[in-house]
Amino acid sequence: MKEVVIGIDIGGTFTKFGFVDREGNLLAEGVSPTDAFEGAEAYLEHLAGELKKAEGRIGEAYRIVGVGIGAPNGNYHKGTVENATNLNWKGIVPLAQWFRRYYDVPVKLTNDANAAALGEMIYGGAKGMKDFIMITLGTGLGSGIVVNGDLVYGHDGFAGELGHVNVQRGGRACGCGNLGCLETYVSAPGIKRTVFELLASDHRGSGLADYSFNELNSEMIYEAAKKGDPIALRAFDITGQILGAKLADSVAHTSPEAIFLFGGLAKSGDFIFHPTKKYMEESLMGTFKNKVRLMPSGLMDKNAAILGAGALIWKDK
């Protein structure tokens, strides 16, 4: 009988899930709304129903041996989601404990970027690596830091929040309540904000001036950059400069073999990779120069967070 785990990736709008075998194959998968429910218990009841439906599509004998969950503000030590700003849930939610009402198996939980890092380590480009950093570039900036083969959680379960290191004192407002966080500059919304700051100074020669703030998105900025739009190209350079400098700080802390970029903004390819690598190398102390590879995720076209959430279980089996 095949052993499978359930991998769950909880996002602010949708939750993606899959039944994953030890080799990383998704035997069945699905999507369920996250924000359509007032509280976590109602959300879980609906998600459990969707999981049961998906089970019927596995098509072979199987045994579920665990559930791994990646969630914003997920606390690995406690199995809780704590004060997540982009979820409808309030306060501290004992998600792992509640989930056992529906599946009486081990349930492990971490934040979504840590789950993606685990997926990279077991199924992606970080196979065989013991020291690397995973950066997820989407609506925010998430990070998973692996040292000596283990994810860094810290004493409270929340270590590795690189998206909330400070870039500019008194800078852009962040959803966490602080000002000037890295993710307000380096993320899909962050690069859009940079574009509009640049347009305010000089919009000549840029087609991006034709869009309102609500219309524009990071994919459109990427398409403009491919056509040589000067504002789009400058925005990518500024974004890479900020990210590269902060990655250099992280290199000094953990000396990783590689840093992986994952997510929508990372799909911009050389437009984000070249400036980030350039400015990272410029900011590194000599001991670390030309030692750290900056690489796209090996799971770019797969759901790294689902695979990584499942890997929370496989890693210890």
Protein backbone atom coordinates (compact mmCIF):
# COMPACT_ATOMS: atom_id res chain seq x y z
CA MET A 1 0.00 0.00 0.00
CA LYS A 2 1.44 3.37 -1.04
CA GLU A 3 2.23 5.86 1.71
CA VAL A 4 1.17 9.43 0.98
CA VAL A 5 1.14 12.72 2.86
CA ILE A 6 -1.14 15.70 2.49
CA GLY A 7 0.65 18.94 1.66
CA ILE A 8 -1.30 22.16 2.22
CA ASP A 9 -0.28 25.67 1.17
CA ILE A 10 -2.47 28.33 2.81
CA GLY A 11 -2.56 31.66 0.99
CA GLY A 12 -4.53 34.78 1.77
CA THR A 13 -7.09 34.13 -0.98
CA PHE A 14 -6.79 30.44 -1.87
CA THR A 15 -5.49 27.26 -0.26
CA LYS A 16 -3.76 24.75 -2.52
CA PHE A 17 -3.38 21.14 -1.46
CA GLY A 18 -2.11 17.84 -2.78
CA PHE A 19 -1.57 14.20 -1.90
CA VAL A 20 2.18 13.65 -2.29
CA ASP A 21 4.16 10.42 -2.37
CA ARG A 22 7.74 10.04 -1.17
CA GLU A 23 9.12 10.81 -4.64
CA GLY A 24 7.27 14.11 -4.86
CA ASN A 25 4.52 13.00 -7.20
CA LEU A 26 1.16 14.73 -6.76
CA LEU A 27 -1.41 11.92 -6.86
CA ALA A 28 -4.36 14.30 -6.49
CA GLU A 29 -4.63 18.02 -5.86
CA GLY A 30 -7.11 20.83 -5.52
CA VAL A 31 -7.84 24.40 -4.49
CA SER A 32 -10.13 25.72 -1.77
CA PRO A 33 -10.96 29.33 -0.80
CA THR A 34 -9.25 30.78 2.25
CA ASP A 35 -10.94 34.15 2.60
CA ALA A 36 -14.56 33.01 2.16
CA PHE A 37 -14.95 32.11 5.84
CA GLU A 38 -15.20 34.22 8.96
CA GLY A 39 -13.04 31.98 11.13
CA ALA A 40 -10.49 29.21 10.98
CA GLU A 41 -12.86 26.47 12.16
CA ALA A 42 -15.36 27.08 9.35
CA TYR A 43 -12.45 27.25 6.90
CA LEU A 44 -11.07 23.92 8.13
CA GLU A 45 -14.43 22.18 7.90
CA HIS A 46 -14.77 23.20 4.26
CA LEU A 47 -11.14 22.30 3.46
CA ALA A 48 -11.56 18.85 4.99
CA GLY A 49 -14.54 18.25 2.73
CA GLU A 50 -12.51 19.24 -0.33
CA LEU A 51 -9.68 16.94 0.75
CA LYS A 52 -12.07 14.01 1.06
CA LYS A 53 -13.33 14.67 -2.47
CA ALA A 54 -9.77 14.76 -3.80
CA GLU A 55 -8.92 11.49 -2.08
CA GLY A 56 -11.38 9.76 -4.37
CA ARG A 57 -9.18 10.67 -7.33
CA ILE A 58 -6.03 8.94 -6.08
CA GLY A 59 -6.98 5.74 -7.86
CA GLU A 60 -4.80 3.24 -5.98
CA ALA A 61 -4.44 1.77 -2.53
CA TYR A 62 -2.88 4.31 -0.20
CA ARG A 63 -2.33 5.18 3.45
CA ILE A 64 -2.09 8.75 4.70
CA VAL A 65 0.85 8.99 7.10
CA GLY A 66 0.85 12.70 7.93
CA VAL A 67 -0.22 16.23 7.07
CA GLY A 68 2.18 19.13 6.43
CA ILE A 69 0.91 22.69 6.35
CA GLY A 70 2.58 25.87 5.14
CA ALA A 71 0.83 29.02 6.37
CA PRO A 72 1.58 32.71 6.90
CA ASN A 73 2.96 33.26 10.42
CA GLY A 74 3.04 29.51 10.99
CA ASN A 75 4.84 28.48 14.18
CA TYR A 76 6.60 25.15 13.75
CA HIS A 77 7.18 24.63 17.47
CA LYS A 78 3.55 25.13 18.49
CA GLY A 79 1.59 24.16 15.35
CA THR A 80 -0.14 27.52 15.45
CA VAL A 81 -0.85 30.39 13.05
CA GLU A 82 -0.24 33.57 14.99
CA ASN A 83 -1.64 37.01 14.13
CA ALA A 84 -1.41 36.54 10.35
CA THR A 85 -2.12 39.92 8.79
CA ASN A 86 -3.36 38.57 5.46
CA LEU A 87 -5.81 36.01 6.88
CA ASN A 88 -9.30 36.53 8.31
CA TRP A 89 -8.34 34.68 11.48
CA LYS A 90 -7.71 36.63 14.63
CA GLY A 91 -5.07 35.99 17.28
CA ILE A 92 -3.43 32.59 17.77
CA VAL A 93 -5.07 29.67 15.95
CA PRO A 94 -4.07 26.10 17.01
CA LEU A 95 -4.37 24.89 13.43
CA ALA A 96 -2.43 21.61 13.73
CA GLN A 97 -4.47 20.55 16.75
CA TRP A 98 -7.79 21.38 15.09
CA PHE A 99 -6.79 19.59 11.89
CA ARG A 100 -6.50 16.31 13.78
CA ARG A 101 -10.29 16.34 14.12
CA TYR A 102 -10.39 15.34 10.46
CA TYR A 103 -7.17 13.33 10.03
CA ASP A 104 -5.83 11.40 13.01
CA VAL A 105 -2.21 11.43 11.85
CA PRO A 106 0.85 13.59 12.69
CA VAL A 107 0.26 17.20 11.62
CA LYS A 108 3.20 19.59 11.23
CA LEU A 109 3.03 23.26 10.38
CA THR A 110 5.50 25.94 9.35
CA ASN A 111 5.40 29.19 7.44
CA ASP A 112 4.91 29.05 3.69
CA ALA A 113 8.46 30.14 2.77
CA ASN A 114 9.99 27.49 5.05
CA ALA A 115 7.80 24.91 3.34
CA ALA A 116 9.08 26.07 -0.05
CA ALA A 117 12.67 25.75 1.23
CA LEU A 118 12.01 22.17 2.29
CA GLY A 119 10.56 21.42 -1.12
CA GLU A 120 13.68 22.85 -2.75
CA MET A 121 15.93 20.77 -0.51
CA ILE A 122 14.18 17.47 -1.12
CA TYR A 123 12.83 17.80 -4.68
CA GLY A 124 14.51 20.82 -6.28
CA GLY A 125 17.83 22.52 -6.94
CA ALA A 126 19.05 22.29 -3.32
CA LYS A 127 19.28 18.49 -3.30
CA GLY A 128 22.47 17.56 -1.46
CA MET A 129 22.94 21.08 -0.05
CA LYS A 130 23.10 21.66 3.69
CA ASP A 131 23.36 25.45 3.64
CA PHE A 132 21.15 27.59 1.42
CA ILE A 133 18.51 30.30 1.49
CA MET A 134 15.15 30.24 -0.28
CA ILE A 135 13.57 33.58 -1.16
CA THR A 136 9.94 33.66 -2.33
CA LEU A 137 9.02 36.78 -4.29
CA GLY A 138 5.26 37.20 -4.56
CA THR A 139 2.77 39.44 -2.84
CA GLY A 140 5.37 39.68 -0.09
CA LEU A 141 8.92 38.44 0.39
CA GLY A 142 9.26 35.19 2.29
CA SER A 143 12.41 33.34 3.22
CA GLY A 144 13.52 29.95 4.45
CA ILE A 145 17.06 29.59 5.81
CA VAL A 146 18.70 26.17 5.96
CA VAL A 147 21.88 25.72 8.02
CA ASN A 148 23.64 22.37 8.46
CA GLY A 149 20.69 20.66 6.78
CA ASP A 150 18.04 22.07 9.12
CA LEU A 151 15.61 24.93 8.78
CA VAL A 152 16.33 27.81 11.13
CA TYR A 153 13.30 28.40 13.38
CA GLY A 154 14.74 30.28 16.34
CA HIS A 155 13.57 29.99 19.93
CA ASP A 156 10.02 31.17 19.15
CA GLY A 157 9.52 29.52 15.74
CA PHE A 158 9.64 32.74 13.70
CA ALA A 159 13.30 33.10 12.68
CA GLY A 160 14.25 33.97 9.12
CA GLU A 161 11.81 36.79 8.32
CA LEU A 162 14.06 38.52 5.80
CA GLY A 163 11.06 40.29 4.26
CA HIS A 164 10.87 42.41 7.40
CA VAL A 165 14.44 43.56 7.77
CA ASN A 166 14.66 47.33 7.43
CA VAL A 167 15.68 48.89 4.14
CA GLN A 168 14.76 52.53 4.74
CA ARG A 169 14.15 54.09 8.11
CA GLY A 170 10.71 55.72 7.97
CA GLY A 171 10.20 54.21 4.51
CA ARG A 172 7.21 52.53 2.92
CA ALA A 173 4.37 51.32 5.12
CA CYS A 174 4.29 47.53 5.54
CA GLY A 175 1.39 45.26 6.45
CA CYS A 176 3.32 44.16 9.54
CA GLY A 177 2.95 47.66 10.98
CA ASN A 178 6.55 48.79 10.46
CA LEU A 179 8.00 51.21 7.94
CA GLY A 180 10.66 50.45 5.33
CA CYS A 181 10.56 46.63 5.32
CA LEU A 182 12.37 44.81 2.51
CA GLU A 183 9.17 43.30 1.10
CA THR A 184 7.68 46.76 0.51
CA TYR A 185 10.47 47.28 -2.06
CA VAL A 186 11.20 43.74 -3.26
CA SER A 187 7.93 41.99 -4.13
CA ALA A 188 5.29 42.24 -6.83
CA PRO A 189 3.57 45.22 -5.14
CA GLY A 190 6.97 46.64 -4.20
CA ILE A 191 8.28 46.96 -7.76
CA LYS A 192 4.97 48.55 -8.76
CA ARG A 193 5.42 51.17 -6.06
CA THR A 194 8.94 51.80 -7.35
CA VAL A 195 7.60 52.29 -10.89
CA PHE A 196 5.15 54.94 -9.75
CA GLU A 197 7.81 56.76 -7.74
CA LEU A 198 9.96 56.87 -10.87
CA LEU A 199 7.05 58.01 -13.05
CA ALA A 200 6.40 60.86 -10.65
CA SER A 201 9.89 62.21 -11.44
CA ASP A 202 10.00 61.58 -15.19
CA HIS A 203 7.51 59.60 -17.24
CA ARG A 204 8.96 60.42 -20.67
CA GLY A 205 9.45 57.46 -22.97
CA SER A 206 7.59 54.99 -20.77
CA GLY A 207 4.37 53.26 -21.73
CA LEU A 208 3.80 52.45 -18.07
CA ALA A 209 2.55 56.02 -17.59
CA ASP A 210 -0.64 54.97 -19.37
CA TYR A 211 -1.75 52.72 -16.48
CA SER A 212 -3.38 53.56 -13.18
CA PHE A 213 -1.91 52.17 -9.99
CA ASN A 214 -4.67 49.56 -9.68
CA GLU A 215 -4.29 48.46 -13.30
CA LEU A 216 -0.54 47.88 -13.26
CA ASN A 217 1.03 44.61 -12.07
CA SER A 218 4.50 43.10 -11.97
CA GLU A 219 3.93 40.96 -15.07
CA MET A 220 3.14 44.09 -17.09
CA ILE A 221 6.35 45.69 -15.79
CA TYR A 222 8.27 42.60 -16.94
CA GLU A 223 6.67 42.77 -20.39
CA ALA A 224 7.60 46.46 -20.61
CA ALA A 225 11.18 45.70 -19.61
CA LYS A 226 11.45 43.16 -22.42
CA LYS A 227 10.54 45.98 -24.83
CA GLY A 228 13.21 48.24 -23.37
CA ASP A 229 10.94 50.53 -21.38
CA PRO A 230 13.31 52.82 -19.43
CA ILE A 231 11.17 53.04 -16.28
CA ALA A 232 10.65 49.26 -16.14
CA LEU A 233 14.38 48.63 -16.58
CA ARG A 234 15.24 51.18 -13.91
CA ALA A 235 12.68 49.66 -11.52
CA PHE A 236 14.23 46.21 -11.89
CA ASP A 237 17.70 47.66 -11.31
CA ILE A 238 16.58 49.42 -8.12
CA THR A 239 14.79 46.27 -6.92
CA GLY A 240 17.88 44.15 -7.57
CA GLN A 241 20.09 46.70 -5.82
CA ILE A 242 18.00 46.59 -2.66
CA LEU A 243 17.65 42.80 -2.69
CA GLY A 244 21.32 42.21 -3.49
CA ALA A 245 22.51 44.36 -0.58
CA LYS A 246 20.26 42.55 1.90
CA LEU A 247 21.22 39.12 0.58
CA ALA A 248 24.85 40.08 1.18
CA ASP A 249 23.96 40.65 4.83
CA SER A 250 22.41 37.18 4.96
CA VAL A 251 25.50 35.63 3.39
CA ALA A 252 27.60 37.12 6.19
CA HIS A 253 25.27 35.48 8.73
CA THR A 254 25.08 31.92 7.36
CA SER A 255 27.55 31.55 4.44
CA PRO A 256 25.11 29.63 2.19
CA GLU A 257 26.19 27.57 -0.79
CA ALA A 258 23.35 29.04 -2.86
CA ILE A 259 20.41 31.41 -2.73
CA PHE A 260 17.29 30.41 -4.65
CA LEU A 261 14.66 32.83 -5.93
CA PHE A 262 11.12 31.54 -6.36
CA GLY A 263 7.77 33.09 -7.24
CA GLY A 264 6.20 35.46 -9.73
CA LEU A 265 8.87 38.17 -9.63
CA ALA A 266 11.63 35.56 -9.99
CA LYS A 267 10.07 34.56 -13.32
CA SER A 268 11.37 37.87 -14.68
CA GLY A 269 14.65 36.02 -15.19
CA ASP A 270 17.73 38.08 -15.96
CA PHE A 271 15.91 41.35 -15.30
CA ILE A 272 15.90 40.50 -11.58
CA PHE A 273 18.80 38.02 -11.38
CA HIS A 274 21.50 40.14 -13.04
CA PRO A 275 21.15 43.29 -10.90
CA THR A 276 20.62 41.25 -7.73
CA LYS A 277 23.81 39.24 -8.33
CA LYS A 278 25.76 42.37 -9.31
CA TYR A 279 24.84 44.37 -6.22
CA MET A 280 25.15 41.36 -3.91
CA GLU A 281 28.73 40.80 -5.04
CA GLU A 282 29.50 44.50 -4.64
CA SER A 283 28.23 44.38 -1.04
CA LEU A 284 29.95 41.16 0.05
CA MET A 285 33.12 41.14 2.09
CA GLY A 286 36.05 39.59 0.28
CA THR A 287 35.81 36.24 2.06
CA PHE A 288 32.44 35.53 0.42
CA LYS A 289 32.87 37.03 -3.05
CA ASN A 290 32.10 34.72 -6.00
CA LYS A 291 31.28 31.82 -3.68
CA VAL A 292 27.48 32.03 -3.44
CA ARG A 293 25.36 30.96 -6.37
CA LEU A 294 22.16 32.90 -7.09
CA MET A 295 19.79 30.46 -8.78
CA PRO A 296 16.18 30.12 -9.89
CA SER A 297 14.21 27.55 -7.96
CA GLY A 298 14.30 24.05 -9.39
CA LEU A 299 10.58 23.88 -8.64
CA MET A 300 9.57 27.05 -10.51
CA ASP A 301 6.89 25.29 -12.56
CA LYS A 302 5.71 23.09 -9.69
CA ASN A 303 3.98 23.89 -6.45
CA ALA A 304 7.01 24.10 -4.20
CA ALA A 305 4.92 25.03 -1.17
CA ILE A 306 2.71 21.92 -1.46
CA LEU A 307 5.72 19.67 -1.98
CA GLY A 308 7.56 21.39 0.85
CA ALA A 309 4.61 21.13 3.21
CA GLY A 310 4.50 17.42 2.47
CA ALA A 311 8.24 17.25 3.03
CA LEU A 312 7.67 18.36 6.65
CA ILE A 313 6.46 14.79 7.13
CA TRP A 314 8.82 12.95 4.76
CA LYS A 315 11.90 14.64 6.23
CA ASP A 316 11.48 12.79 9.52
CA LYS A 317 10.28 9.42 8.21
